[in-house]
Protein backbone atom coordinates (compact mmCIF):
# COMPACT_ATOMS: atom_id res chain seq x y z
CA MET A 1 -14.14 -16.37 20.70
CA ALA A 2 -14.09 -12.93 21.37
CA ALA A 3 -11.28 -12.26 19.20
CA LEU A 4 -13.84 -14.49 16.29
CA HIS A 5 -15.69 -11.43 16.86
CA VAL A 6 -13.27 -8.79 16.47
CA LEU A 7 -12.15 -10.07 13.20
CA GLN A 8 -15.73 -10.83 12.49
CA ALA A 9 -16.54 -7.19 12.82
CA LEU A 10 -13.56 -5.74 11.13
CA HIS A 11 -14.58 -8.07 8.42
CA PRO A 12 -17.82 -8.53 8.10
CA HIS A 13 -18.06 -11.01 4.90
CA LEU A 14 -16.61 -13.94 7.00
CA HIS A 15 -19.44 -13.67 9.67
CA GLY A 16 -21.95 -16.32 9.43
CA PRO A 17 -24.33 -18.17 11.68
CA THR A 18 -23.23 -19.08 15.12
CA TYR A 19 -20.80 -21.84 15.15
CA THR A 20 -19.64 -23.76 18.47
CA HIS A 21 -16.16 -25.43 18.36
CA ALA A 22 -18.68 -28.70 19.20
CA HIS A 23 -19.99 -27.52 15.62
CA ALA A 24 -17.01 -27.51 13.84
CA HIS A 25 -15.68 -31.06 15.70
CA ALA A 26 -18.72 -33.18 14.36
CA SER A 27 -18.03 -31.49 10.59
CA VAL A 28 -14.29 -32.10 10.80
CA SER A 29 -15.74 -36.00 12.00
CA ALA A 30 -18.33 -36.04 9.42
CA HIS A 31 -16.64 -34.63 6.35
CA GLY A 32 -12.78 -35.48 6.77
CA SER A 33 -12.15 -31.84 5.90
CA ILE A 34 -14.36 -28.50 7.12
CA THR A 35 -13.93 -26.79 3.59
CA ASN A 36 -13.47 -27.89 -0.25
CA LEU A 37 -10.74 -26.02 -0.97
CA THR A 38 -7.98 -27.61 -3.17
CA LEU A 39 -4.36 -26.59 -3.36
CA LEU A 40 -5.00 -24.47 -6.53
CA GLN A 41 -7.63 -22.53 -5.07
CA VAL A 42 -5.04 -22.01 -2.07
CA VAL A 43 -2.62 -20.83 -3.84
CA ALA A 44 -5.08 -18.63 -6.33
CA LEU A 45 -7.08 -17.27 -3.28
CA ALA A 46 -3.21 -16.77 -1.53
CA LEU A 47 -1.61 -14.87 -4.43
CA LEU A 48 -5.06 -12.89 -4.90
CA GLN A 49 -5.01 -11.30 -1.30
CA GLY A 50 -1.54 -10.33 -1.50
CA VAL A 51 -1.56 -8.53 -4.66
CA ALA A 52 -4.88 -7.14 -4.71
CA GLU A 53 -4.86 -6.02 -1.02
CA LEU A 54 -1.98 -3.33 -1.84
CA PHE A 55 -3.42 -2.66 -5.32
CA PRO A 56 -6.35 -0.32 -5.62
CA VAL A 57 -8.45 -3.35 -7.19
CA SER A 58 -10.08 -4.82 -3.91
CA SER A 59 -9.06 -7.75 -2.38
CA LEU A 60 -12.53 -8.46 -0.91
CA GLY A 61 -14.16 -8.22 -3.79
CA HIS A 62 -12.54 -10.67 -6.04
CA THR A 63 -12.25 -12.95 -3.02
CA VAL A 64 -16.43 -12.82 -3.50
CA ILE A 65 -16.30 -12.50 -6.94
CA LEU A 66 -13.95 -15.30 -8.26
CA PRO A 67 -15.06 -18.65 -6.22
CA ALA A 68 -18.55 -17.58 -7.78
CA LEU A 69 -17.72 -16.94 -11.38
CA LEU A 70 -15.76 -20.23 -11.12
CA HIS A 71 -18.31 -22.12 -9.16
CA TRP A 72 -16.04 -22.89 -6.45
CA ASN A 73 -17.61 -25.02 -3.85
CA ILE A 74 -16.37 -22.79 -1.35
CA ASP A 75 -18.26 -22.05 1.87
CA GLN A 76 -16.88 -18.36 3.08
CA THR A 77 -19.31 -18.39 6.39
CA ASP A 78 -17.14 -21.75 7.60
CA PRO A 79 -15.21 -20.62 10.76
CA ALA A 80 -12.22 -22.43 9.07
CA TYR A 81 -12.35 -20.61 6.03
CA LEU A 82 -12.58 -17.42 8.45
CA ALA A 83 -9.21 -18.93 9.96
CA PHE A 84 -7.64 -19.33 6.42
CA VAL A 85 -8.28 -15.86 5.47
CA VAL A 86 -7.14 -14.38 9.19
CA LEU A 87 -3.59 -16.02 8.25
CA LEU A 88 -3.76 -14.55 4.67
CA HIS A 89 -4.08 -11.34 6.28
CA PHE A 90 -1.26 -11.73 8.49
CA GLY A 91 1.26 -12.59 6.08
CA THR A 92 -0.18 -9.49 4.18
CA ALA A 93 0.29 -7.24 7.12
CA ALA A 94 3.60 -9.12 7.59
CA ALA A 95 4.92 -8.24 4.37
CA LEU A 96 4.18 -4.68 4.94
CA LEU A 97 5.61 -4.42 8.19
CA TYR A 98 8.94 -6.04 6.83
CA PHE A 99 9.08 -3.25 4.12
CA TYR A 100 8.31 -0.38 6.25
CA TRP A 101 10.16 -1.83 9.03
CA ARG A 102 12.40 0.89 9.75
CA ASP A 103 9.65 3.34 9.60
CA TRP A 104 7.98 1.40 12.32
CA ALA A 105 10.42 1.01 14.51
CA HIS A 106 11.20 4.41 14.75
CA LEU A 107 7.58 5.90 14.54
CA LEU A 108 7.01 3.26 17.85
CA ARG A 109 9.86 5.07 19.80
CA VAL A 110 8.25 8.40 18.78
CA LEU A 111 4.74 7.04 19.86
CA PHE A 112 5.94 5.45 23.44
CA ALA A 113 8.29 8.45 24.08
CA SER A 114 5.29 10.45 23.48
CA LEU A 115 3.08 8.96 25.91
CA ALA A 116 6.09 9.10 28.26
CA ARG A 117 6.39 12.73 27.88
CA GLY A 118 2.11 13.58 28.15
CA HIS A 119 2.44 16.08 25.05
CA PHE A 120 3.04 16.40 21.86
CA SER A 121 6.05 18.16 20.36
CA ASP A 122 6.98 19.70 16.99
CA ASP A 123 8.57 16.80 15.75
CA PRO A 124 7.33 15.34 12.35
CA ASP A 125 7.56 11.93 13.08
CA GLU A 126 5.73 12.14 16.63
CA ARG A 127 2.75 14.11 14.89
CA PHE A 128 2.65 11.42 12.07
CA ILE A 129 2.78 8.16 13.91
CA TRP A 130 -0.86 9.98 15.63
CA LEU A 131 -2.16 10.80 12.36
CA VAL A 132 -1.90 6.76 12.04
CA VAL A 133 -3.34 6.22 15.18
CA VAL A 134 -6.21 8.62 14.31
CA GLY A 135 -6.68 7.68 11.09
CA THR A 136 -7.59 3.73 12.33
CA VAL A 137 -10.46 4.87 14.29
CA PRO A 138 -13.06 5.29 12.01
CA ALA A 139 -12.87 1.97 10.28
CA ALA A 140 -13.06 -0.05 13.23
CA LEU A 141 -15.33 1.89 14.61
CA LEU A 142 -17.60 1.80 12.08
CA ALA A 143 -17.10 -1.83 11.90
CA LEU A 144 -18.35 -2.42 14.94
CA LEU A 145 -21.39 -0.49 15.45
CA PHE A 146 -23.03 -1.04 11.92
CA GLN A 147 -21.48 -5.05 11.13
CA ASP A 148 -25.15 -6.52 11.08
CA ALA A 149 -25.91 -3.63 8.12
CA LEU A 150 -22.99 -4.60 6.26
CA ARG A 151 -23.03 -7.95 6.12
CA SER A 152 -25.97 -8.41 4.25
CA ASN A 153 -23.71 -7.12 1.64
CA PHE A 154 -20.89 -9.63 1.64
CA GLY A 155 -21.16 -13.11 -0.08
CA ASN A 156 -22.98 -11.28 -2.48
CA PRO A 157 -20.69 -11.26 -5.54
CA THR A 158 -23.00 -9.41 -7.86
CA ALA A 159 -22.89 -6.56 -5.50
CA ALA A 160 -19.30 -6.97 -5.36
CA ALA A 161 -19.48 -6.32 -9.12
CA VAL A 162 -21.16 -3.04 -8.88
CA PHE A 163 -18.82 -1.71 -5.57
CA LEU A 164 -15.73 -2.92 -7.79
CA THR A 165 -17.07 -0.75 -10.79
CA ILE A 166 -17.38 2.01 -8.34
CA ASN A 167 -13.76 1.43 -7.26
CA GLY A 168 -13.48 2.58 -10.83
CA VAL A 169 -14.84 5.94 -10.84
CA ILE A 170 -12.86 6.47 -7.47
CA MET A 171 -9.64 5.61 -9.09
CA LEU A 172 -11.27 8.18 -11.83
CA VAL A 173 -11.77 10.83 -9.67
CA GLY A 174 -8.55 10.01 -7.92
CA GLU A 175 -6.30 10.42 -11.25
CA VAL A 176 -8.24 13.81 -12.31
CA LEU A 177 -6.95 15.20 -8.83
CA ARG A 178 -3.55 13.96 -9.10
CA ARG A 179 -3.31 15.72 -12.64
CA ARG A 180 -4.81 18.28 -11.58
CA GLN A 181 -2.87 19.02 -8.09
CA ALA A 182 0.46 18.20 -10.65
CA ALA A 183 -0.59 20.86 -13.05
CA ALA A 184 -0.94 23.59 -10.18
CA VAL A 185 2.49 23.00 -8.54
CA SER A 186 4.23 22.49 -12.65
CA ALA A 187 3.00 26.21 -12.82
CA ALA A 188 4.35 27.23 -9.89
CA SER A 189 7.64 25.76 -10.41
CA SER A 190 7.70 27.37 -13.46
CA ASP A 191 6.21 31.43 -11.75
CA SER A 192 8.87 30.93 -9.24
CA GLY A 193 11.86 28.57 -10.93
CA VAL A 194 12.57 26.73 -8.13
CA PRO A 195 10.43 23.06 -8.23
CA GLY A 196 7.94 22.85 -6.15
CA THR A 197 7.39 25.66 -4.64
CA ALA A 198 4.44 28.49 -5.23
CA GLY A 199 5.42 31.31 -7.63
CA ALA A 200 3.04 34.00 -5.71
CA PRO A 201 4.01 35.22 -2.27
CA GLY A 202 1.31 33.61 0.21
CA LYS A 203 0.00 31.04 -2.03
CA VAL A 204 -0.74 27.51 -0.87
CA GLN A 205 1.63 25.11 -1.70
CA GLU A 206 -0.64 22.26 -3.38
CA TYR A 207 1.45 19.07 -2.02
CA LYS A 208 1.86 18.76 1.40
CA ASP A 209 3.65 16.68 3.71
CA ILE A 210 1.92 13.64 5.77
CA ASP A 211 2.46 15.63 9.26
CA ARG A 212 0.76 18.54 7.80
CA LEU A 213 -2.62 16.66 6.96
CA GLY A 214 -3.84 17.70 10.38
CA TRP A 215 -6.43 15.46 12.65
CA ARG A 216 -9.48 16.18 10.87
CA GLY A 217 -7.74 15.14 7.47
CA ALA A 218 -6.61 11.73 9.11
CA ILE A 219 -10.11 11.16 10.53
CA ILE A 220 -11.58 12.27 6.84
CA VAL A 221 -8.89 9.80 5.00
CA GLY A 222 -9.71 7.11 8.00
CA LEU A 223 -13.29 7.52 6.80
CA CYS A 224 -12.05 7.02 3.15
CA GLN A 225 -10.63 3.73 4.34
CA SER A 226 -14.07 2.59 5.93
CA LEU A 227 -15.45 2.29 2.65
CA ALA A 228 -13.43 -0.69 2.07
CA LEU A 229 -15.71 -2.75 4.36
CA LEU A 230 -18.22 -2.67 1.45
CA PRO A 231 -16.73 -5.64 -0.67
CA GLY A 232 -15.29 -4.17 -4.05
CA ILE A 233 -14.19 -0.74 -2.52
CA SER A 234 -10.59 -1.08 -2.25
CA ARG A 235 -8.91 0.12 0.75
CA SER A 236 -5.65 1.50 -0.45
CA GLY A 237 -7.92 2.83 -3.07
CA ALA A 238 -10.54 4.63 -1.44
CA THR A 239 -7.46 6.06 1.38
CA MET A 240 -5.21 7.39 -1.48
CA VAL A 241 -7.60 9.28 -3.02
CA GLY A 242 -8.60 10.57 0.02
CA GLY A 243 -5.10 11.22 0.83
CA LEU A 244 -5.24 12.71 -2.21
CA ALA A 245 -8.10 14.96 -2.24
CA LEU A 246 -6.81 16.40 1.17
CA GLY A 247 -3.83 17.46 -1.00
CA LEU A 248 -1.23 15.24 -0.04
CA ARG A 249 1.86 14.36 -2.66
CA HIS A 250 1.56 11.40 -4.82
CA HIS A 251 3.69 9.19 -2.99
CA GLU A 252 2.70 10.73 0.78
CA ALA A 253 -0.70 9.04 -0.12
CA PHE A 254 0.56 6.03 -1.08
CA ARG A 255 2.69 5.66 2.19
CA TYR A 256 0.41 6.73 4.48
CA THR A 257 -2.49 4.39 3.04
CA PHE A 258 -0.04 1.27 3.99
CA MET A 259 0.94 2.98 7.14
CA LEU A 260 -3.02 3.29 7.97
CA ALA A 261 -3.94 -0.08 6.94
CA THR A 262 -1.07 -1.99 8.70
CA PRO A 263 -2.42 -2.12 12.66
CA ILE A 264 -5.79 -2.97 11.54
CA ILE A 265 -4.72 -5.83 9.16
CA LEU A 266 -2.39 -6.99 11.96
CA ALA A 267 -4.48 -6.42 15.02
CA ALA A 268 -7.03 -8.32 13.43
CA SER A 269 -5.03 -11.25 12.39
CA ILE A 270 -3.08 -11.51 15.92
CA LYS A 271 -6.40 -11.71 18.12
CA THR A 272 -8.09 -14.02 15.40
CA ALA A 273 -4.74 -16.36 15.62
CA PRO A 274 -5.79 -18.58 18.65
CA ASP A 275 -8.47 -19.61 16.48
CA LEU A 276 -6.05 -21.57 14.41
CA LEU A 277 -5.43 -23.64 17.35
CA THR A 278 -9.36 -25.31 17.69
CA PRO A 279 -10.32 -28.26 15.76
CA ALA A 280 -12.17 -26.28 12.98
CA GLY A 281 -8.41 -24.34 12.78
CA ARG A 282 -6.67 -27.49 13.24
CA GLY A 283 -8.64 -28.91 10.01
CA ILE A 284 -7.30 -25.96 7.48
CA LEU A 285 -3.48 -25.09 9.26
CA GLY A 286 -1.48 -26.73 6.27
CA TYR A 287 -3.62 -25.01 3.87
CA ALA A 288 -3.52 -21.32 6.19
CA VAL A 289 0.22 -21.63 6.93
CA LEU A 290 0.79 -22.45 3.00
CA GLY A 291 -1.13 -19.42 2.16
CA CYS A 292 0.22 -16.86 4.75
CA ILE A 293 3.73 -17.75 3.25
CA LEU A 294 2.73 -17.19 -0.94
CA SER A 295 0.77 -13.96 0.48
CA ALA A 296 3.38 -12.30 2.67
CA VAL A 297 5.24 -13.02 -0.44
CA ALA A 298 3.05 -11.68 -3.40
CA ALA A 299 2.34 -8.45 -1.22
CA TYR A 300 5.74 -7.47 -0.63
CA LEU A 301 6.80 -7.57 -4.77
CA SER A 302 3.40 -5.77 -4.58
CA VAL A 303 4.47 -3.11 -2.27
CA ARG A 304 8.09 -2.89 -3.86
CA PHE A 305 6.71 -2.44 -7.06
CA LEU A 306 3.52 0.26 -6.00
CA ASP A 307 6.26 2.02 -3.88
CA ARG A 308 7.75 3.21 -7.18
CA TYR A 309 5.23 3.29 -9.36
CA PHE A 310 3.43 5.93 -7.48
CA ARG A 311 6.18 7.87 -6.92
CA THR A 312 5.15 9.72 -10.69
CA ASN A 313 2.51 7.21 -12.21
CA ARG A 314 -1.67 7.19 -12.47
CA LEU A 315 -4.41 5.92 -11.02
CA ASP A 316 -6.44 5.75 -14.23
CA PRO A 317 -4.87 1.90 -15.70
CA PHE A 318 -6.55 0.54 -12.21
CA ALA A 319 -9.82 2.72 -12.57
CA TYR A 320 -9.98 0.74 -15.96
CA TYR A 321 -9.59 -2.85 -15.30
CA CYS A 322 -12.10 -2.10 -11.92
CA LEU A 323 -15.17 -0.72 -14.44
CA ILE A 324 -14.08 -3.43 -17.08
CA ALA A 325 -13.90 -6.11 -14.81
CA GLY A 326 -16.65 -4.87 -12.36
CA VAL A 327 -18.94 -4.10 -15.70
CA VAL A 328 -18.31 -8.19 -16.97
CA ALA A 329 -18.55 -9.76 -13.98
CA PHE A 330 -21.89 -8.29 -12.58
CA VAL A 331 -23.29 -9.04 -16.22
CA LEU A 332 -21.94 -12.90 -16.07
CA LEU A 333 -23.11 -13.25 -12.86
CA SER A 334 -26.78 -11.84 -13.75
CA ALA A 335 -27.48 -13.94 -16.43
CA GLY A 336 -26.40 -17.02 -14.11
CA VAL A 337 -22.80 -18.08 -16.32
């Protein structure tokens, strides 16, 4: 059960009352199925996870809000539902690993070489993989330290709607930063006659590569990722805006965002996978496998699209969506519709 506690710390919304295998077995015996998930709901939640986890619109917020708005009879504190969500996240992580497999294969070789050598070299790839390592620490640490305080916000669709609206504001801030940065580089390029370069001697270039982010910058971006512990705040969106605020190129911020998210999602999923073999997990294993596959496909298509989109395009469409969806959801939930 230690693995279960790890994922519950990283995803406090799934942390409910204390359950034992005896409780789970009793529930299976009494009800036949430990959850009330239907095939249509499995498909909807899997596709939602695969898309919303990578688009900056908060998969967690949508997972909390949608069942409430549609009055689905789902107990999100049930350990079987936890097992289901675990495999959905594994599908997302698998898609990211597949999309970036060449990057990860090279970076892991660089990381092991760095550990064996015992000191840093001037290799920018070595610096980048260590920035990924450092950037993953804040979210994991804060989730473990404050899981009890964070838990009160989860399973609350009204709070998720508020945070989704706030996420829209964060995306607008990110778009302002992107436009300001692009305008500065464009002006510098015009002055120098060389695209992407500064015109005046000694002027700091507005865009920077990831390996120039620095340890302090990695921690700051990691803290931005921690905002996703609040349902409705997008992990990818908050992390990307943090990178933009520190001067990363638009596409560089996007790449760092998904490289940073992969270890946390994958580690939590792998650690909790054995729970699918418990009586509670076996009751939903078929749906969980189907959801994992659908989530992986949706996530792969999403990251392929976003990899092209964020080379040049904007954050404000996602901002407007979150603002509208958050406000509408808040009104409907508050009215009890």
